[in-house]
Every structure is written in structure tokens, then in C-alpha cells.
């Protein structure tokens, strides 16, 4: 868990540096989880992500004025086994923790119906800042971005597998209901 110290900056000194100054303290890697059920995390767009990435943008949809409107990507916060409601054209981002240094990886056990929900991206994000050389248990994040393609309901399941055919570490399942 990272330890941060926050210092208040007097108003007279804050002309060049708005807001608090953050000084990072010593860090230790988070403990690894042996839970069999993973949960999705909400990642607001204003917060730091594991690595600087450009968020995918949903396809523009025409409005009554004829100008395209962009639908923001919805962050999944539902626990495994839940249902997420989307509208056609909406994008959805799912992030799950992943032990990136031990060879574990998330894979689809059951893919979503592509007529209802398409996979836009499927990637592993490294920890940021990178772990100190030799650190064991460094955790990154696995991120999927989906887009609602058509009306209907579909369920997908992803599993975190250990290296070399090791048993499943975690499982996450989500039902997505897409409406017009």
C-alpha cells in the first residue's frame, strides 16, 4: 500500500502550484489475492490509471441537430454475477486486478454474443510506477473495453489463469442487457 503525505500550501505561495503538493513515501506491493471471485473496480476518468493511456472514444451517434454526439464510456462497478444495462452505441470499460509478474493472465471462458456486445480492446496494463527490480507480487490491471452493438442480453465470463496451465485463480462474470 502506498503511503502519501499531503502538505497544504499557503495561499501566498500557491500562485505557481495550485492545490496540495504530494510527496510519495515508501511503497510496498499490495498483497496478492487468492479469492475465487474477482470484482470490477470503478475508475473515474480524472484519477490516475496504472499507465498513461488514451481512453477509447465511443462512436459518434447523430443527434436531432445532425451533429454527432459522443457517448462516454461507462465504468463497470458491478460485482461478479451482476447485470449491467447499456444502450446501443454505449461503450463499457471493465478493469480487474492482475498479478502481472507471476505469469497470470485473464482470458475469456465464455465470450459475449458479438451481435449484442463487441470487444473493442483487451489489454494488460503494467503497474505504475514500475515495481523495483526483484519485487514479487507486483500487480497490474487487465482492461477490456466493450461496445453495445445491438439490443439483447448476453453474459460473458473471464478467468484469471496461473502460468503453465495452473488452476484458475479468479473468475468474473457479467450479464449485459442492451436496449435501443
C-alpha atoms as a PDB file:
ATOM      1  CA  UNK A   1       0.000   0.000   0.000  1.00  0.00           C
ATOM      2  CA  UNK A   2       1.428   3.387  -0.948  1.00  0.00           C
ATOM      3  CA  UNK A   3       1.857   5.992   1.771  1.00  0.00           C
ATOM      4  CA  UNK A   4       1.330   9.586   0.724  1.00  0.00           C
ATOM      5  CA  UNK A   5       1.960  12.788   2.642  1.00  0.00           C
ATOM      6  CA  UNK A   6      -0.153  15.813   1.757  1.00  0.00           C
ATOM      7  CA  UNK A   7       1.122  19.286   2.535  1.00  0.00           C
ATOM      8  CA  UNK A   8      -1.114  22.337   2.478  1.00  0.00           C
ATOM      9  CA  UNK A   9       0.400  25.248   0.563  1.00  0.00           C
ATOM     10  CA  UNK A  10      -0.376  28.729   1.933  1.00  0.00           C
ATOM     11  CA  UNK A  11      -2.379  30.925  -0.454  1.00  0.00           C
ATOM     12  CA  UNK A  12       0.548  33.344  -0.863  1.00  0.00           C
ATOM     13  CA  UNK A  13       2.758  30.502  -2.146  1.00  0.00           C
ATOM     14  CA  UNK A  14       0.244  28.825  -4.397  1.00  0.00           C
ATOM     15  CA  UNK A  15       0.480  31.089  -7.442  1.00  0.00           C
ATOM     16  CA  UNK A  16       2.678  28.677  -9.373  1.00  0.00           C
ATOM     17  CA  UNK A  17       1.386  25.435  -7.845  1.00  0.00           C
ATOM     18  CA  UNK A  18      -2.399  25.174  -7.455  1.00  0.00           C
ATOM     19  CA  UNK A  19      -3.653  22.753  -4.815  1.00  0.00           C
ATOM     20  CA  UNK A  20      -1.769  20.472  -2.427  1.00  0.00           C
ATOM     21  CA  UNK A  21       1.729  19.167  -3.027  1.00  0.00           C
ATOM     22  CA  UNK A  22       2.009  15.368  -2.897  1.00  0.00           C
ATOM     23  CA  UNK A  23       5.218  13.767  -1.680  1.00  0.00           C
ATOM     24  CA  UNK A  24       5.314   9.994  -2.180  1.00  0.00           C
ATOM     25  CA  UNK A  25       6.589   7.948   0.724  1.00  0.00           C
ATOM     26  CA  UNK A  26       7.935   4.402   0.769  1.00  0.00           C
ATOM     27  CA  UNK A  27       5.801   1.873  -1.062  1.00  0.00           C
ATOM     28  CA  UNK A  28       5.279  -1.831  -0.739  1.00  0.00           C
ATOM     29  CA  UNK A  29       3.496  -4.038  -3.260  1.00  0.00           C
ATOM     30  CA  UNK A  30      -0.131  -4.892  -2.478  1.00  0.00           C
ATOM     31  CA  UNK A  31      -0.762  -8.399  -1.172  1.00  0.00           C
ATOM     32  CA  UNK A  32      -1.811 -10.970  -3.740  1.00  0.00           C
ATOM     33  CA  UNK A  33      -5.349 -12.258  -3.510  1.00  0.00           C
ATOM     34  CA  UNK A  34      -6.356 -15.894  -3.548  1.00  0.00           C
ATOM     35  CA  UNK A  35     -10.048 -15.082  -3.781  1.00  0.00           C
ATOM     36  CA  UNK A  36     -12.011 -17.124  -6.299  1.00  0.00           C
ATOM     37  CA  UNK A  37     -14.317 -14.228  -7.174  1.00  0.00           C
ATOM     38  CA  UNK A  38     -12.964 -11.011  -8.636  1.00  0.00           C
ATOM     39  CA  UNK A  39     -14.812  -7.713  -8.587  1.00  0.00           C
ATOM     40  CA  UNK A  40     -14.707  -4.885 -11.061  1.00  0.00           C
ATOM     41  CA  UNK A  41     -13.449  -1.522  -9.923  1.00  0.00           C
ATOM     42  CA  UNK A  42     -14.740   1.918 -10.794  1.00  0.00           C
ATOM     43  CA  UNK A  43     -12.023   4.077 -12.275  1.00  0.00           C
ATOM     44  CA  UNK A  44     -13.145   7.696 -12.695  1.00  0.00           C
ATOM     45  CA  UNK A  45     -11.601   9.347 -15.731  1.00  0.00           C
ATOM     46  CA  UNK A  46      -9.953  12.026 -13.550  1.00  0.00           C
ATOM     47  CA  UNK A  47      -7.963   9.517 -11.468  1.00  0.00           C
ATOM     48  CA  UNK A  48      -4.583   8.061 -12.299  1.00  0.00           C
ATOM     49  CA  UNK A  49      -4.577   4.800 -14.223  1.00  0.00           C
ATOM     50  CA  UNK A  50      -1.903   2.100 -13.991  1.00  0.00           C
ATOM     51  CA  UNK A  51      -0.209   3.527 -17.092  1.00  0.00           C
ATOM     52  CA  UNK A  52      -0.980   6.646 -19.066  1.00  0.00           C
ATOM     53  CA  UNK A  53      -3.401   5.524 -21.732  1.00  0.00           C
ATOM     54  CA  UNK A  54      -5.779   7.187 -24.106  1.00  0.00           C
ATOM     55  CA  UNK A  55      -9.364   6.188 -23.357  1.00  0.00           C
ATOM     56  CA  UNK A  56     -11.237   4.792 -26.310  1.00  0.00           C
ATOM     57  CA  UNK A  57     -13.998   7.017 -27.584  1.00  0.00           C
ATOM     58  CA  UNK A  58     -17.450   5.724 -28.374  1.00  0.00           C
ATOM     59  CA  UNK A  59     -18.637   6.021 -31.963  1.00  0.00           C
ATOM     60  CA  UNK A  60     -20.497   9.297 -32.542  1.00  0.00           C
ATOM     61  CA  UNK A  61     -24.244   8.990 -32.891  1.00  0.00           C
ATOM     62  CA  UNK A  62     -26.294  11.559 -34.811  1.00  0.00           C
ATOM     63  CA  UNK A  63     -28.486  13.965 -32.841  1.00  0.00           C
ATOM     64  CA  UNK A  64     -31.605  15.916 -33.837  1.00  0.00           C
ATOM     65  CA  UNK A  65     -29.337  18.799 -34.907  1.00  0.00           C
ATOM     66  CA  UNK A  66     -27.328  16.492 -37.174  1.00  0.00           C
ATOM     67  CA  UNK A  67     -24.160  16.986 -35.120  1.00  0.00           C
ATOM     68  CA  UNK A  68     -22.541  13.820 -33.735  1.00  0.00           C
ATOM     69  CA  UNK A  69     -22.850  13.187 -30.006  1.00  0.00           C
ATOM     70  CA  UNK A  70     -20.258  11.079 -28.225  1.00  0.00           C
ATOM     71  CA  UNK A  71     -21.458   8.737 -25.510  1.00  0.00           C
ATOM     72  CA  UNK A  72     -18.928   8.491 -22.664  1.00  0.00           C
ATOM     73  CA  UNK A  73     -17.528   5.102 -21.697  1.00  0.00           C
ATOM     74  CA  UNK A  74     -19.383   3.579 -18.733  1.00  0.00           C
ATOM     75  CA  UNK A  75     -17.160   2.157 -15.971  1.00  0.00           C
ATOM     76  CA  UNK A  76     -18.291  -1.222 -14.631  1.00  0.00           C
ATOM     77  CA  UNK A  77     -18.691  -1.249 -10.851  1.00  0.00           C
ATOM     78  CA  UNK A  78     -20.936  -4.295 -10.520  1.00  0.00           C
ATOM     79  CA  UNK A  79     -19.784  -7.369  -8.622  1.00  0.00           C
ATOM     80  CA  UNK A  80     -19.370 -10.675 -10.407  1.00  0.00           C
ATOM     81  CA  UNK A  81     -22.721 -12.243 -11.282  1.00  0.00           C
ATOM     82  CA  UNK A  82     -24.493  -8.873 -11.692  1.00  0.00           C
ATOM     83  CA  UNK A  83     -26.279  -7.300 -14.654  1.00  0.00           C
ATOM     84  CA  UNK A  84     -25.169  -4.076 -16.384  1.00  0.00           C
ATOM     85  CA  UNK A  85     -27.670  -2.103 -18.508  1.00  0.00           C
ATOM     86  CA  UNK A  86     -26.447  -0.280 -21.629  1.00  0.00           C
ATOM     87  CA  UNK A  87     -27.958   1.417 -24.662  1.00  0.00           C
ATOM     88  CA  UNK A  88     -26.940   0.568 -28.231  1.00  0.00           C
ATOM     89  CA  UNK A  89     -23.760   2.509 -29.070  1.00  0.00           C
ATOM     90  CA  UNK A  90     -22.584   2.895 -25.465  1.00  0.00           C
ATOM     91  CA  UNK A  91     -19.096   1.742 -24.510  1.00  0.00           C
ATOM     92  CA  UNK A  92     -18.228  -0.022 -21.264  1.00  0.00           C
ATOM     93  CA  UNK A  93     -14.846  -0.475 -19.558  1.00  0.00           C
ATOM     94  CA  UNK A  94     -14.068  -3.322 -17.153  1.00  0.00           C
ATOM     95  CA  UNK A  95     -10.857  -3.362 -15.076  1.00  0.00           C
ATOM     96  CA  UNK A  96      -9.729  -6.284 -12.930  1.00  0.00           C
ATOM     97  CA  UNK A  97      -6.532  -6.607 -10.861  1.00  0.00           C
ATOM     98  CA  UNK A  98      -3.883  -8.957 -12.245  1.00  0.00           C
ATOM     99  CA  UNK A  99      -0.601 -10.260 -10.818  1.00  0.00           C
ATOM    100  CA  UNK A 100       1.483  -9.285 -13.847  1.00  0.00           C
ATOM    101  CA  UNK A 101       4.840 -10.605 -12.616  1.00  0.00           C
ATOM    102  CA  UNK A 102       3.862 -14.224 -11.997  1.00  0.00           C
ATOM    103  CA  UNK A 103       2.593 -15.124 -15.440  1.00  0.00           C
ATOM    104  CA  UNK A 104      -1.103 -14.997 -14.519  1.00  0.00           C
ATOM    105  CA  UNK A 105      -3.447 -13.696 -17.201  1.00  0.00           C
ATOM    106  CA  UNK A 106      -7.167 -13.060 -17.717  1.00  0.00           C
ATOM    107  CA  UNK A 107      -8.849 -14.919 -20.603  1.00  0.00           C
ATOM    108  CA  UNK A 108     -12.434 -15.366 -21.767  1.00  0.00           C
ATOM    109  CA  UNK A 109     -14.041 -18.567 -20.566  1.00  0.00           C
ATOM    110  CA  UNK A 110     -17.304 -17.530 -22.278  1.00  0.00           C
ATOM    111  CA  UNK A 111     -17.303 -14.659 -24.802  1.00  0.00           C
ATOM    112  CA  UNK A 112     -20.197 -12.201 -25.176  1.00  0.00           C
ATOM    113  CA  UNK A 113     -22.522 -12.510 -28.189  1.00  0.00           C
ATOM    114  CA  UNK A 114     -20.868 -10.166 -30.752  1.00  0.00           C
ATOM    115  CA  UNK A 115     -24.280  -9.175 -32.179  1.00  0.00           C
ATOM    116  CA  UNK A 116     -25.030  -7.626 -28.761  1.00  0.00           C
ATOM    117  CA  UNK A 117     -21.642  -6.694 -27.235  1.00  0.00           C
ATOM    118  CA  UNK A 118     -18.337  -6.402 -29.115  1.00  0.00           C
ATOM    119  CA  UNK A 119     -14.845  -6.424 -27.604  1.00  0.00           C
ATOM    120  CA  UNK A 120     -13.094  -3.182 -28.625  1.00  0.00           C
ATOM    121  CA  UNK A 121      -9.875  -3.782 -26.656  1.00  0.00           C
ATOM    122  CA  UNK A 122      -8.403  -6.413 -24.330  1.00  0.00           C
ATOM    123  CA  UNK A 123      -5.108  -5.440 -22.678  1.00  0.00           C
ATOM    124  CA  UNK A 124      -2.890  -5.849 -19.634  1.00  0.00           C
ATOM    125  CA  UNK A 125      -1.693  -2.607 -18.041  1.00  0.00           C
ATOM    126  CA  UNK A 126       1.600  -2.716 -16.136  1.00  0.00           C
ATOM    127  CA  UNK A 127       1.843  -1.302 -12.610  1.00  0.00           C
ATOM    128  CA  UNK A 128       2.715   2.383 -12.426  1.00  0.00           C
ATOM    129  CA  UNK A 129       5.240   3.232 -11.213  1.00  0.00           C
ATOM    130  CA  UNK A 130       7.018   0.043 -12.290  1.00  0.00           C
ATOM    131  CA  UNK A 131       7.961  -2.238  -9.387  1.00  0.00           C
ATOM    132  CA  UNK A 132      11.502  -2.231  -8.044  1.00  0.00           C
ATOM    133  CA  UNK A 133      13.610  -4.934  -9.697  1.00  0.00           C
ATOM    134  CA  UNK A 134      13.171  -8.238  -7.891  1.00  0.00           C
ATOM    135  CA  UNK A 135       9.839  -7.263  -6.289  1.00  0.00           C
ATOM    136  CA  UNK A 136       7.499 -10.248  -6.076  1.00  0.00           C
ATOM    137  CA  UNK A 137       3.725  -9.817  -6.269  1.00  0.00           C
ATOM    138  CA  UNK A 138       3.594  -6.686  -8.433  1.00  0.00           C
ATOM    139  CA  UNK A 139       0.007  -6.132  -9.520  1.00  0.00           C
ATOM    140  CA  UNK A 140      -1.190  -4.543 -12.712  1.00  0.00           C
ATOM    141  CA  UNK A 141      -4.636  -4.290 -14.220  1.00  0.00           C
ATOM    142  CA  UNK A 142      -6.401  -6.071 -17.044  1.00  0.00           C
ATOM    143  CA  UNK A 143      -8.763  -3.840 -19.003  1.00  0.00           C
ATOM    144  CA  UNK A 144     -11.448  -4.643 -21.547  1.00  0.00           C
ATOM    145  CA  UNK A 145     -13.483  -2.087 -23.467  1.00  0.00           C
ATOM    146  CA  UNK A 146     -16.773  -3.267 -24.952  1.00  0.00           C
ATOM    147  CA  UNK A 147     -19.346  -1.565 -27.173  1.00  0.00           C
ATOM    148  CA  UNK A 148     -23.071  -2.288 -27.192  1.00  0.00           C
ATOM    149  CA  UNK A 149     -23.753  -3.370 -30.794  1.00  0.00           C
ATOM    150  CA  UNK A 150     -27.412  -4.430 -30.729  1.00  0.00           C
ATOM    151  CA  UNK A 151     -30.381  -4.945 -28.431  1.00  0.00           C
ATOM    152  CA  UNK A 152     -30.474  -8.125 -26.360  1.00  0.00           C
ATOM    153  CA  UNK A 153     -28.886  -9.795 -23.355  1.00  0.00           C
ATOM    154  CA  UNK A 154     -25.546 -11.591 -23.236  1.00  0.00           C
ATOM    155  CA  UNK A 155     -23.317 -12.984 -20.496  1.00  0.00           C
ATOM    156  CA  UNK A 156     -19.548 -13.355 -20.515  1.00  0.00           C
ATOM    157  CA  UNK A 157     -17.098 -14.891 -18.068  1.00  0.00           C
ATOM    158  CA  UNK A 158     -13.381 -14.185 -17.728  1.00  0.00           C
ATOM    159  CA  UNK A 159     -10.979 -16.244 -15.641  1.00  0.00           C
ATOM    160  CA  UNK A 160      -7.533 -15.416 -14.296  1.00  0.00           C
ATOM    161  CA  UNK A 161      -5.302 -18.376 -15.064  1.00  0.00           C
ATOM    162  CA  UNK A 162      -1.975 -19.142 -13.486  1.00  0.00           C
ATOM    163  CA  UNK A 163       1.101 -19.790 -15.637  1.00  0.00           C
ATOM    164  CA  UNK A 164       1.591 -23.102 -17.441  1.00  0.00           C
ATOM    165  CA  UNK A 165      -1.938 -24.429 -17.065  1.00  0.00           C
ATOM    166  CA  UNK A 166      -2.132 -23.742 -13.318  1.00  0.00           C
ATOM    167  CA  UNK A 167      -5.638 -23.765 -11.809  1.00  0.00           C
ATOM    168  CA  UNK A 168      -7.971 -20.780 -12.149  1.00  0.00           C
ATOM    169  CA  UNK A 169      -7.093 -18.010  -9.682  1.00  0.00           C
ATOM    170  CA  UNK A 170     -10.226 -15.831 -10.044  1.00  0.00           C
ATOM    171  CA  UNK A 171     -13.474 -15.726 -12.021  1.00  0.00           C
ATOM    172  CA  UNK A 172     -15.614 -12.739 -13.069  1.00  0.00           C
ATOM    173  CA  UNK A 173     -18.967 -12.989 -14.851  1.00  0.00           C
ATOM    174  CA  UNK A 174     -21.244 -10.181 -16.058  1.00  0.00           C
ATOM    175  CA  UNK A 175     -24.606 -10.142 -17.831  1.00  0.00           C
ATOM    176  CA  UNK A 176     -25.116  -7.135 -20.107  1.00  0.00           C
ATOM    177  CA  UNK A 177     -28.616  -6.069 -21.162  1.00  0.00           C
ATOM    178  CA  UNK A 178     -28.579  -3.734 -24.175  1.00  0.00           C
ATOM    179  CA  UNK A 179     -31.637  -1.690 -25.165  1.00  0.00           C
ATOM    180  CA  UNK A 180     -32.330   0.683 -28.087  1.00  0.00           C
END
